[in-house]
Amino acid sequence: AALANQLGARLVGTLYVLDEPTIGLHPRDTATLAGILQELAAQGNTVVLVEHDRQMMMAADYLVELGPFSGEKGGEVICAATQQQFIADRRSITARYLRGDDEISTPRSRRIGSGNFIAIAGACENNLKDIFIRIPLGMLVCVTGVSGSGKSTLVEDTLYRALARAFRVESLPIGKFRAIKGIEHLTGIKLIDQEPIGRTPRSNPITYLKAFDEVRSLFASERDALRRGLTPGHFSFNTTGGRCDRCEGSGVEKLEMYFFEDIYATCEACDGKRFKPDVLSIRYRGKTIHDVLQMTAEEALGFFSGSPKLTEKLHLLSSIGLGYLRLGQAATTLSGGEAQRLKIAAELKDSSAKNVLYIMDEPTTGLHVEDIKKLLAMLQKLVNSGNTVVVVEHNLDVIKSADWIIDLGPEGGAAGGQIVAEGRPEQVAKVEASHTGKFLASLLPNERVTHHRL
């Protein structure tokens, strides 16, 4: 609406800067947004976007790619050129996908699931129109629909909260419905959102994955540590003994600002190294505990190659596209997308979990297509382990990879809240009333897709 107002204002010579404006938008709405931005540019303005969406990139006149990879391996201008020149560039990862040299492949088969369902009757919260919904278990399920069609109301406010109360996980107000059946087929319910993994600098990737226990044990088993009577507890920044007393192992001190957000300054006692001098004097393969916490997950994979239990957990970070994170990086510095992927990695490290229903709301937010490919592989692993994943999503690569789709609409707001289509992606693509189906149809192969049981 704000952009539409700008069109009406008829400004000229204005610079508009937008950071991922397509977040939360259905492909139909993205096409509308692209048209508005092109019109703003045609009026004599400049529009700069930070964006991952293919539609928006194909609507752009000029593209700039940073990289080549993430974290400290990024930060370079890989290509800056007109759209035609950019697509032809051989160094750009994005261009490979735009050209079609690389892609997220459509699955050659769809799961048939466990045969069991979670069913909700009479869902009528907000704009939901007294709908009956069946979610097949043992599948990757996508809930789709245009913006405002009722997806989050159905999945988070109704389905998740009802199951969370049944499993005594949370007791939040539940979206209105008449009945729910099939709970006995589940062992648990988990919402994997983009909320922070911790609210203090002591929370970090290596502690969240419970991989720090192995690191502390390795340091405590060193000869010098044994001689000084240092235990694994001395190498923890969550307990007293070996950690810096002043900053309590966080490496920083919080400065409370009365009228602004609190800020953190490096601890003057330990110089940000978190531990006391006697602990920092212990070295494992020539590195101190502080040196290890400064390593990226990819660096640590090679360094700890002799510890299979540890490298298995570190490999999860790399395989989900977070190999650039430092092991001791404060949770307060992680983006929402990074936090969410860390949570997925934490679920994958416990292969004993079965018949759990995982719920995610737009996990592709802020992700490049290369990262989406890695994310999808992780979601498929969760399902292959004997679980169900329900994703609210607009990204067509994720939607075409689902085993089952529930499409809400037909429009947003009061004109939404109905089930427009449900079934396999191939079935939804044939429903004329489905906006999702229209975009999906062009992505699906013509050959027959088989169904398989795990």
Protein backbone atom coordinates (compact mmCIF):
# COMPACT_ATOMS: atom_id res chain seq x y z
CA ALA A 1 0.00 0.00 0.00
CA ALA A 2 2.88 2.35 0.85
CA LEU A 3 4.44 1.75 -2.58
CA ALA A 4 1.10 2.30 -4.31
CA ASN A 5 0.88 5.66 -2.52
CA GLN A 6 4.34 6.53 -3.82
CA LEU A 7 3.14 5.84 -7.37
CA GLY A 8 0.28 8.25 -6.84
CA ALA A 9 2.66 10.89 -5.48
CA ARG A 10 4.41 11.04 -8.88
CA LEU A 11 7.82 11.80 -7.36
CA VAL A 12 10.87 12.06 -9.66
CA GLY A 13 14.55 11.61 -8.83
CA THR A 14 13.89 9.68 -5.60
CA LEU A 15 15.98 6.73 -4.38
CA TYR A 16 13.91 3.90 -2.92
CA VAL A 17 15.74 1.18 -0.91
CA LEU A 18 13.86 -2.01 -0.01
CA ASP A 19 15.19 -5.03 1.92
CA GLU A 20 13.51 -8.22 0.69
CA PRO A 21 10.05 -6.77 0.06
CA THR A 22 8.79 -10.15 -1.23
CA ILE A 23 8.92 -11.77 2.24
CA GLY A 24 5.47 -13.22 2.93
CA LEU A 25 4.24 -12.66 -0.63
CA HIS A 26 2.67 -15.25 -2.90
CA PRO A 27 4.15 -15.37 -6.45
CA ARG A 28 1.00 -13.65 -7.75
CA ASP A 29 1.52 -10.76 -5.32
CA THR A 30 5.24 -10.66 -6.13
CA ALA A 31 4.38 -10.13 -9.80
CA THR A 32 2.15 -7.19 -8.81
CA LEU A 33 4.91 -5.72 -6.64
CA ALA A 34 7.44 -6.05 -9.47
CA GLY A 35 5.10 -4.07 -11.73
CA ILE A 36 4.78 -1.27 -9.15
CA LEU A 37 8.57 -1.02 -8.74
CA GLN A 38 9.12 -0.98 -12.51
CA GLU A 39 6.60 1.83 -12.80
CA LEU A 40 8.40 3.81 -10.08
CA ALA A 41 11.63 3.45 -12.04
CA ALA A 42 9.90 4.44 -15.29
CA GLN A 43 8.79 7.70 -13.63
CA GLY A 44 12.45 8.70 -13.22
CA ASN A 45 13.26 7.19 -9.81
CA THR A 46 15.88 4.63 -8.73
CA VAL A 47 14.81 1.47 -6.89
CA VAL A 48 17.43 -0.63 -5.08
CA LEU A 49 16.39 -4.02 -3.67
CA VAL A 50 18.08 -6.63 -1.52
CA GLU A 51 16.34 -9.70 -2.88
CA HIS A 52 16.52 -13.47 -3.52
CA ASP A 53 13.27 -13.91 -5.42
CA ARG A 54 13.67 -15.06 -9.03
CA GLN A 55 10.68 -13.03 -10.28
CA MET A 56 12.12 -9.83 -8.86
CA MET A 57 15.56 -10.51 -10.31
CA MET A 58 14.07 -11.14 -13.75
CA ALA A 59 12.21 -7.83 -13.46
CA ALA A 60 15.41 -5.91 -12.63
CA ASP A 61 17.42 -3.82 -15.10
CA TYR A 62 20.73 -4.22 -13.28
CA LEU A 63 21.96 -6.86 -10.82
CA VAL A 64 24.82 -6.89 -8.30
CA GLU A 65 25.95 -10.15 -6.69
CA LEU A 66 28.04 -10.30 -3.51
CA GLY A 67 29.99 -13.39 -2.51
CA PRO A 68 31.35 -15.73 -3.55
CA PHE A 69 30.17 -17.49 -0.36
CA SER A 70 28.91 -16.64 3.13
CA GLY A 71 30.58 -15.10 6.15
CA GLU A 72 34.27 -14.28 5.86
CA LYS A 73 34.32 -15.99 2.44
CA GLY A 74 31.93 -13.37 1.11
CA GLY A 75 31.96 -9.60 0.85
CA GLU A 76 33.28 -9.32 -2.71
CA VAL A 77 31.42 -7.99 -5.75
CA ILE A 78 31.23 -11.05 -8.00
CA CYS A 79 29.25 -9.44 -10.80
CA ALA A 80 27.59 -6.08 -11.39
CA ALA A 81 25.95 -5.84 -14.79
CA THR A 82 22.78 -5.40 -16.79
CA GLN A 83 20.35 -8.31 -16.53
CA GLN A 84 21.44 -9.90 -19.83
CA GLN A 85 25.15 -9.64 -18.99
CA PHE A 86 24.56 -10.86 -15.43
CA ILE A 87 22.73 -14.00 -16.54
CA ALA A 88 25.62 -14.84 -18.87
CA ASP A 89 28.25 -14.44 -16.11
CA ARG A 90 30.12 -17.67 -15.30
CA ARG A 91 31.29 -16.71 -11.80
CA SER A 92 27.86 -15.92 -10.36
CA ILE A 93 26.09 -18.69 -8.41
CA THR A 94 22.78 -16.84 -8.84
CA ALA A 95 23.25 -16.64 -12.62
CA ARG A 96 23.63 -20.42 -12.80
CA TYR A 97 20.11 -20.79 -11.42
CA LEU A 98 18.69 -18.02 -13.62
CA ARG A 99 20.18 -19.69 -16.71
CA GLY A 100 18.93 -23.13 -15.67
CA ASP A 101 22.43 -24.63 -15.41
CA ASP A 102 21.61 -25.43 -11.79
CA GLU A 103 18.23 -26.05 -10.18
CA ILE A 104 16.32 -27.60 -7.32
CA SER A 105 15.08 -30.77 -8.96
CA THR A 106 11.48 -31.92 -8.68
CA PRO A 107 11.34 -35.24 -6.76
CA ARG A 108 10.92 -38.25 -9.02
CA SER A 109 8.53 -39.79 -6.49
CA ARG A 110 6.20 -38.66 -3.70
CA ARG A 111 5.86 -40.41 -0.35
CA ILE A 112 2.60 -42.20 0.39
CA GLY A 113 3.02 -41.54 4.10
CA SER A 114 2.11 -43.70 7.08
CA GLY A 115 -1.58 -43.91 6.23
CA ASN A 116 -2.53 -41.92 9.34
CA PHE A 117 -3.87 -38.36 9.53
CA ILE A 118 -4.32 -35.42 11.85
CA ALA A 119 -7.78 -34.00 11.14
CA ILE A 120 -9.28 -30.71 12.30
CA ALA A 121 -12.98 -30.01 11.83
CA GLY A 122 -14.68 -26.62 11.94
CA ALA A 123 -11.62 -24.37 11.94
CA CYS A 124 -13.09 -20.85 11.97
CA GLU A 125 -10.57 -18.49 13.59
CA ASN A 126 -10.22 -15.08 11.88
CA ASN A 127 -11.13 -15.55 8.19
CA LEU A 128 -11.20 -19.40 8.16
CA LYS A 129 -14.58 -20.54 6.81
CA ASP A 130 -15.46 -23.49 9.08
CA ILE A 131 -13.05 -25.72 7.17
CA PHE A 132 -12.19 -29.41 7.57
CA ILE A 133 -8.51 -30.19 7.08
CA ARG A 134 -6.65 -33.50 6.94
CA ILE A 135 -2.87 -33.56 7.26
CA PRO A 136 -1.35 -36.86 6.10
CA LEU A 137 1.43 -38.04 8.42
CA GLY A 138 4.86 -39.22 7.29
CA MET A 139 5.01 -36.56 4.56
CA LEU A 140 6.41 -33.13 3.74
CA VAL A 141 3.23 -31.04 3.65
CA CYS A 142 3.04 -27.47 2.29
CA VAL A 143 0.24 -25.09 3.25
CA THR A 144 0.02 -22.47 0.50
CA GLY A 145 -2.15 -19.60 -0.68
CA VAL A 146 -2.04 -15.90 -1.45
CA SER A 147 -1.07 -13.43 1.28
CA GLY A 148 -3.78 -13.18 3.95
CA SER A 149 -5.56 -16.39 2.95
CA GLY A 150 -5.42 -17.84 6.49
CA LYS A 151 -2.32 -20.05 6.39
CA SER A 152 -0.67 -18.95 9.65
CA THR A 153 -4.04 -18.82 11.42
CA LEU A 154 -4.69 -22.44 10.45
CA VAL A 155 -1.22 -23.87 11.02
CA GLU A 156 0.18 -21.88 13.95
CA ASP A 157 -2.83 -20.47 15.81
CA THR A 158 -5.04 -23.55 15.42
CA LEU A 159 -3.11 -26.75 14.59
CA TYR A 160 0.09 -26.07 16.53
CA ARG A 161 -1.55 -24.54 19.59
CA ALA A 162 -4.12 -27.35 19.85
CA LEU A 163 -1.42 -30.02 19.67
CA ALA A 164 0.95 -28.05 21.92
CA ARG A 165 -1.72 -27.98 24.62
CA ALA A 166 -2.44 -31.70 24.12
CA PHE A 167 1.27 -32.49 24.61
CA ARG A 168 1.56 -29.91 27.42
CA VAL A 169 4.22 -27.94 25.58
CA GLU A 170 2.39 -24.57 25.63
CA SER A 171 -1.00 -23.27 26.71
CA LEU A 172 -1.52 -20.31 24.36
CA PRO A 173 -5.03 -19.27 23.22
CA ILE A 174 -6.17 -21.68 20.49
CA GLY A 175 -7.87 -20.75 17.21
CA LYS A 176 -11.53 -21.81 17.19
CA PHE A 177 -12.39 -25.31 15.90
CA ARG A 178 -14.89 -28.09 16.72
CA ALA A 179 -12.79 -31.25 16.91
CA ILE A 180 -9.33 -32.68 16.34
CA LYS A 181 -8.49 -36.33 15.70
CA GLY A 182 -5.34 -38.39 15.19
CA ILE A 183 -3.24 -37.08 18.09
CA GLU A 184 -2.56 -40.68 19.16
CA HIS A 185 -0.42 -41.15 16.02
CA LEU A 186 2.10 -38.52 17.21
CA THR A 187 4.76 -38.59 19.92
CA GLY A 188 5.33 -34.83 19.94
CA ILE A 189 4.86 -31.42 18.34
CA LYS A 190 7.54 -28.79 17.66
CA LEU A 191 7.34 -25.30 16.20
CA ILE A 192 10.69 -24.41 14.61
CA ASP A 193 10.52 -20.64 14.28
CA GLN A 194 12.99 -17.80 13.78
CA GLU A 195 13.08 -16.71 17.42
CA PRO A 196 16.62 -16.43 18.90
CA ILE A 197 18.24 -19.62 20.25
CA GLY A 198 19.28 -17.66 23.35
CA ARG A 199 19.14 -14.15 24.69
CA THR A 200 22.68 -13.79 26.11
CA PRO A 201 26.16 -13.85 24.48
CA ARG A 202 26.85 -17.14 26.31
CA SER A 203 24.38 -18.93 24.01
CA ASN A 204 26.06 -19.94 20.76
CA PRO A 205 25.98 -22.61 18.00
CA ILE A 206 28.32 -25.11 19.70
CA THR A 207 26.42 -25.09 23.00
CA TYR A 208 23.04 -25.21 21.26
CA LEU A 209 24.05 -28.39 19.40
CA LYS A 210 25.45 -29.80 22.67
CA ALA A 211 28.80 -30.23 20.94
CA PHE A 212 30.76 -28.21 23.51
CA ASP A 213 30.76 -31.12 25.97
CA GLU A 214 33.10 -33.08 23.67
CA VAL A 215 35.35 -30.04 23.19
CA ARG A 216 35.64 -29.47 26.94
CA SER A 217 36.44 -33.14 27.52
CA LEU A 218 39.24 -33.03 24.95
CA PHE A 219 40.85 -30.03 26.64
CA ALA A 220 40.42 -31.51 30.13
CA SER A 221 42.17 -34.72 29.02
CA GLU A 222 45.36 -32.84 28.04
CA ARG A 223 48.37 -33.60 30.25
CA ASP A 224 48.76 -30.01 31.48
CA ALA A 225 45.07 -29.85 32.40
CA LEU A 226 45.27 -33.11 34.36
CA ARG A 227 48.41 -31.91 36.16
CA ARG A 228 46.65 -28.69 37.22
CA GLY A 229 43.48 -30.50 38.28
CA LEU A 230 41.33 -28.86 35.60
CA THR A 231 38.09 -30.68 34.79
CA PRO A 232 35.67 -30.25 31.83
CA GLY A 233 33.74 -27.86 34.08
CA HIS A 234 36.66 -25.43 34.12
CA PHE A 235 36.32 -25.10 30.33
CA SER A 236 32.66 -24.10 30.55
CA PHE A 237 31.59 -20.46 30.47
CA ASN A 238 28.26 -21.36 32.06
CA THR A 239 29.66 -22.42 35.45
CA THR A 240 32.05 -20.77 37.90
CA GLY A 241 35.61 -22.00 38.23
CA GLY A 242 37.41 -21.48 34.97
CA ARG A 243 35.40 -18.71 33.38
CA CYS A 244 36.18 -15.02 33.76
CA ASP A 245 34.56 -13.78 36.96
CA ARG A 246 33.93 -10.29 35.67
CA CYS A 247 31.95 -11.08 32.49
CA GLU A 248 30.82 -14.55 33.69
CA GLY A 249 32.12 -16.20 30.55
CA SER A 250 30.31 -14.05 28.01
CA GLY A 251 33.42 -12.15 26.89
CA VAL A 252 31.49 -8.90 26.94
CA GLU A 253 29.89 -6.62 29.50
CA LYS A 254 26.38 -5.23 29.06
CA LEU A 255 26.07 -1.48 29.28
CA GLU A 256 22.48 -0.57 30.13
CA MET A 257 21.20 2.42 28.17
CA TYR A 258 18.14 4.06 29.66
CA PHE A 259 16.74 5.57 26.47
CA PHE A 260 18.36 3.25 23.89
CA GLU A 261 18.93 -0.47 23.34
CA ASP A 262 21.56 -1.98 25.66
CA ILE A 263 25.04 -2.31 24.15
CA TYR A 264 27.88 -4.76 24.81
CA ALA A 265 31.56 -3.88 25.28
CA THR A 266 34.53 -6.28 25.33
CA CYS A 267 35.34 -7.40 28.86
CA GLU A 268 38.46 -5.60 30.10
CA ALA A 269 39.43 -8.41 32.50
CA CYS A 270 39.70 -11.26 29.95
CA ASP A 271 39.90 -9.14 26.76
CA GLY A 272 36.91 -11.02 25.38
CA LYS A 273 38.49 -14.47 25.83
CA ARG A 274 35.91 -15.61 28.40
CA PHE A 275 38.27 -17.68 30.60
CA LYS A 276 40.90 -17.24 33.29
CA PRO A 277 44.63 -17.33 32.33
CA ASP A 278 45.28 -20.85 33.69
CA VAL A 279 42.47 -22.27 31.53
CA LEU A 280 43.66 -20.31 28.47
CA SER A 281 47.17 -21.76 28.94
CA ILE A 282 45.94 -25.28 28.09
CA ARG A 283 46.33 -26.16 24.43
CA TYR A 284 44.77 -28.93 22.38
CA ARG A 285 46.71 -29.51 19.17
CA GLY A 286 48.27 -26.09 19.65
CA LYS A 287 44.99 -24.20 20.12
CA THR A 288 43.45 -22.68 23.25
CA ILE A 289 39.76 -22.98 24.10
CA HIS A 290 39.36 -19.37 22.94
CA ASP A 291 41.01 -20.21 19.59
CA VAL A 292 38.54 -23.06 19.08
CA LEU A 293 35.54 -20.84 19.81
CA GLN A 294 36.82 -18.43 17.16
CA MET A 295 36.89 -21.17 14.49
CA THR A 296 34.16 -21.46 11.88
CA ALA A 297 32.26 -24.76 11.75
CA GLU A 298 34.07 -25.65 8.51
CA GLU A 299 37.51 -24.96 10.07
CA ALA A 300 36.56 -26.98 13.15
CA LEU A 301 35.53 -29.97 10.99
CA GLY A 302 39.12 -30.42 9.88
CA PHE A 303 40.64 -29.56 13.24
CA PHE A 304 38.55 -32.13 15.16
CA SER A 305 38.66 -34.81 12.44
CA GLY A 306 39.81 -37.37 15.03
CA SER A 307 36.61 -36.98 17.10
CA PRO A 308 33.70 -38.61 15.18
CA LYS A 309 30.98 -37.60 17.69
CA LEU A 310 32.01 -33.97 17.44
CA THR A 311 32.49 -33.85 13.68
CA GLU A 312 29.07 -35.43 13.15
CA LYS A 313 27.44 -32.45 14.87
CA LEU A 314 29.69 -29.91 13.14
CA HIS A 315 28.88 -31.48 9.77
CA LEU A 316 25.20 -30.67 10.37
CA LEU A 317 26.06 -26.96 10.44
CA SER A 318 27.97 -27.23 7.18
CA SER A 319 25.29 -29.30 5.42
CA ILE A 320 22.56 -26.79 6.28
CA GLY A 321 24.59 -23.86 4.93
CA LEU A 322 25.91 -22.54 8.26
CA GLY A 323 29.53 -23.66 7.95
CA TYR A 324 30.61 -20.02 8.09
CA LEU A 325 29.32 -19.48 11.65
CA ARG A 326 31.94 -19.26 14.39
CA LEU A 327 31.48 -21.88 17.10
CA GLY A 328 31.36 -19.28 19.86
CA GLN A 329 29.35 -16.68 17.95
CA ALA A 330 26.87 -15.03 20.31
CA ALA A 331 23.24 -16.02 19.77
CA THR A 332 22.36 -12.33 19.94
CA THR A 333 24.18 -11.77 16.61
CA LEU A 334 22.43 -14.53 14.65
CA SER A 335 19.72 -13.66 12.13
CA GLY A 336 16.28 -15.23 12.39
CA GLY A 337 17.02 -17.53 9.44
CA GLU A 338 20.30 -18.67 10.98
CA ALA A 339 18.59 -19.39 14.30
CA GLN A 340 15.88 -21.41 12.58
CA ARG A 341 18.37 -23.52 10.63
CA LEU A 342 20.32 -24.15 13.83
CA LYS A 343 17.12 -25.49 15.38
CA ILE A 344 16.62 -27.84 12.42
CA ALA A 345 20.23 -29.05 12.77
CA ALA A 346 19.60 -29.70 16.49
CA GLU A 347 16.60 -31.89 15.60
CA LEU A 348 18.61 -33.87 13.06
CA LYS A 349 21.35 -34.74 15.55
CA ASP A 350 18.78 -36.80 17.49
CA SER A 351 17.91 -39.58 15.05
CA SER A 352 15.79 -41.37 17.68
CA ALA A 353 12.89 -38.89 17.33
CA LYS A 354 9.96 -40.56 15.52
CA ASN A 355 6.37 -39.55 14.74
CA VAL A 356 7.02 -35.90 15.66
CA LEU A 357 5.08 -33.18 13.84
CA TYR A 358 7.36 -30.26 12.95
CA ILE A 359 5.79 -26.93 11.98
CA MET A 360 7.61 -24.09 10.22
CA ASP A 361 6.31 -20.78 8.88
CA GLU A 362 8.23 -19.63 5.78
CA PRO A 363 11.65 -21.12 6.61
CA THR A 364 13.02 -19.86 3.25
CA THR A 365 12.79 -16.22 4.41
CA GLY A 366 16.07 -14.48 3.60
CA LEU A 367 17.62 -17.52 1.89
CA HIS A 368 19.40 -17.72 -1.46
CA VAL A 369 18.29 -20.59 -3.71
CA GLU A 370 21.56 -22.43 -2.94
CA ASP A 371 20.68 -22.31 0.77
CA ILE A 372 17.09 -23.35 0.03
CA LYS A 373 18.44 -26.46 -1.68
CA LYS A 374 20.34 -27.35 1.52
CA LEU A 375 17.34 -26.53 3.70
CA LEU A 376 15.10 -28.80 1.63
CA ALA A 377 17.57 -31.67 2.01
CA MET A 378 17.37 -31.23 5.80
CA LEU A 379 13.54 -31.14 5.78
CA GLN A 380 13.47 -34.32 3.69
CA LYS A 381 15.83 -35.96 6.21
CA LEU A 382 13.44 -35.10 9.04
CA VAL A 383 10.60 -36.82 7.15
CA ASN A 384 12.77 -39.79 6.16
CA SER A 385 13.52 -40.29 9.87
CA GLY A 386 9.84 -41.07 10.43
CA ASN A 387 8.39 -37.64 11.14
CA THR A 388 5.97 -35.17 9.51
CA VAL A 389 6.93 -31.65 8.43
CA VAL A 390 4.24 -29.02 7.81
CA VAL A 391 5.54 -25.85 6.15
CA VAL A 392 3.69 -22.61 5.44
CA GLU A 393 5.45 -21.47 2.29
CA HIS A 394 5.33 -19.29 -0.84
CA ASN A 395 8.58 -20.52 -2.36
CA LEU A 396 7.76 -22.58 -5.44
CA ASP A 397 10.87 -24.76 -5.19
CA VAL A 398 9.74 -25.92 -1.75
CA ILE A 399 6.11 -26.29 -2.86
CA LYS A 400 7.00 -28.44 -5.88
CA SER A 401 9.13 -30.64 -3.57
CA ALA A 402 6.25 -31.39 -1.18
CA ASP A 403 4.46 -34.72 -0.96
CA TRP A 404 1.13 -33.00 -0.26
CA ILE A 405 -0.24 -29.46 -0.65
CA ILE A 406 -3.14 -27.72 1.09
CA ASP A 407 -3.90 -24.49 -0.80
CA LEU A 408 -6.03 -21.82 0.91
CA GLY A 409 -7.82 -18.90 -0.69
CA PRO A 410 -9.04 -18.10 -3.19
CA GLU A 411 -8.03 -14.56 -2.16
CA GLY A 412 -6.85 -12.86 1.04
CA GLY A 413 -8.79 -11.45 3.98
CA ALA A 414 -12.56 -11.93 3.94
CA ALA A 415 -12.33 -13.52 0.48
CA GLY A 416 -9.97 -16.23 1.77
CA GLY A 417 -10.08 -18.92 4.43
CA GLN A 418 -11.32 -21.76 2.20
CA ILE A 419 -9.53 -24.84 0.90
CA VAL A 420 -9.10 -24.20 -2.83
CA ALA A 421 -7.12 -27.33 -3.61
CA GLU A 422 -5.40 -30.20 -1.82
CA GLY A 423 -3.42 -33.21 -2.94
CA ARG A 424 -0.18 -33.96 -4.75
CA PRO A 425 1.56 -31.00 -6.45
CA GLU A 426 0.58 -32.50 -9.80
CA GLN A 427 -3.09 -32.47 -8.73
CA VAL A 428 -3.02 -28.93 -7.34
CA ALA A 429 -1.37 -27.69 -10.56
CA LYS A 430 -4.53 -28.72 -12.46
CA VAL A 431 -6.99 -26.76 -10.27
CA GLU A 432 -7.95 -23.63 -12.23
CA ALA A 433 -9.18 -21.76 -9.15
CA SER A 434 -5.79 -22.10 -7.43
CA HIS A 435 -3.34 -19.22 -7.87
CA THR A 436 -0.61 -21.50 -6.51
CA GLY A 437 -1.52 -24.17 -9.04
CA LYS A 438 -1.09 -21.78 -11.97
CA PHE A 439 2.51 -20.95 -10.97
CA LEU A 440 3.24 -24.55 -10.01
CA ALA A 441 2.14 -25.99 -13.36
CA SER A 442 5.05 -24.43 -15.26
CA LEU A 443 7.61 -26.00 -12.91
CA LEU A 444 6.45 -29.60 -12.87
CA PRO A 445 7.77 -32.14 -15.39
CA ASN A 446 5.36 -33.87 -17.73
CA GLU A 447 6.52 -37.39 -16.91
CA ARG A 448 4.59 -39.49 -14.40
CA VAL A 449 5.63 -39.13 -10.76
CA THR A 450 5.55 -42.33 -8.66
CA HIS A 451 4.53 -42.65 -5.04
CA HIS A 452 6.64 -44.59 -2.55
CA ARG A 453 6.57 -45.74 1.05
CA LEU A 454 9.57 -45.12 3.31
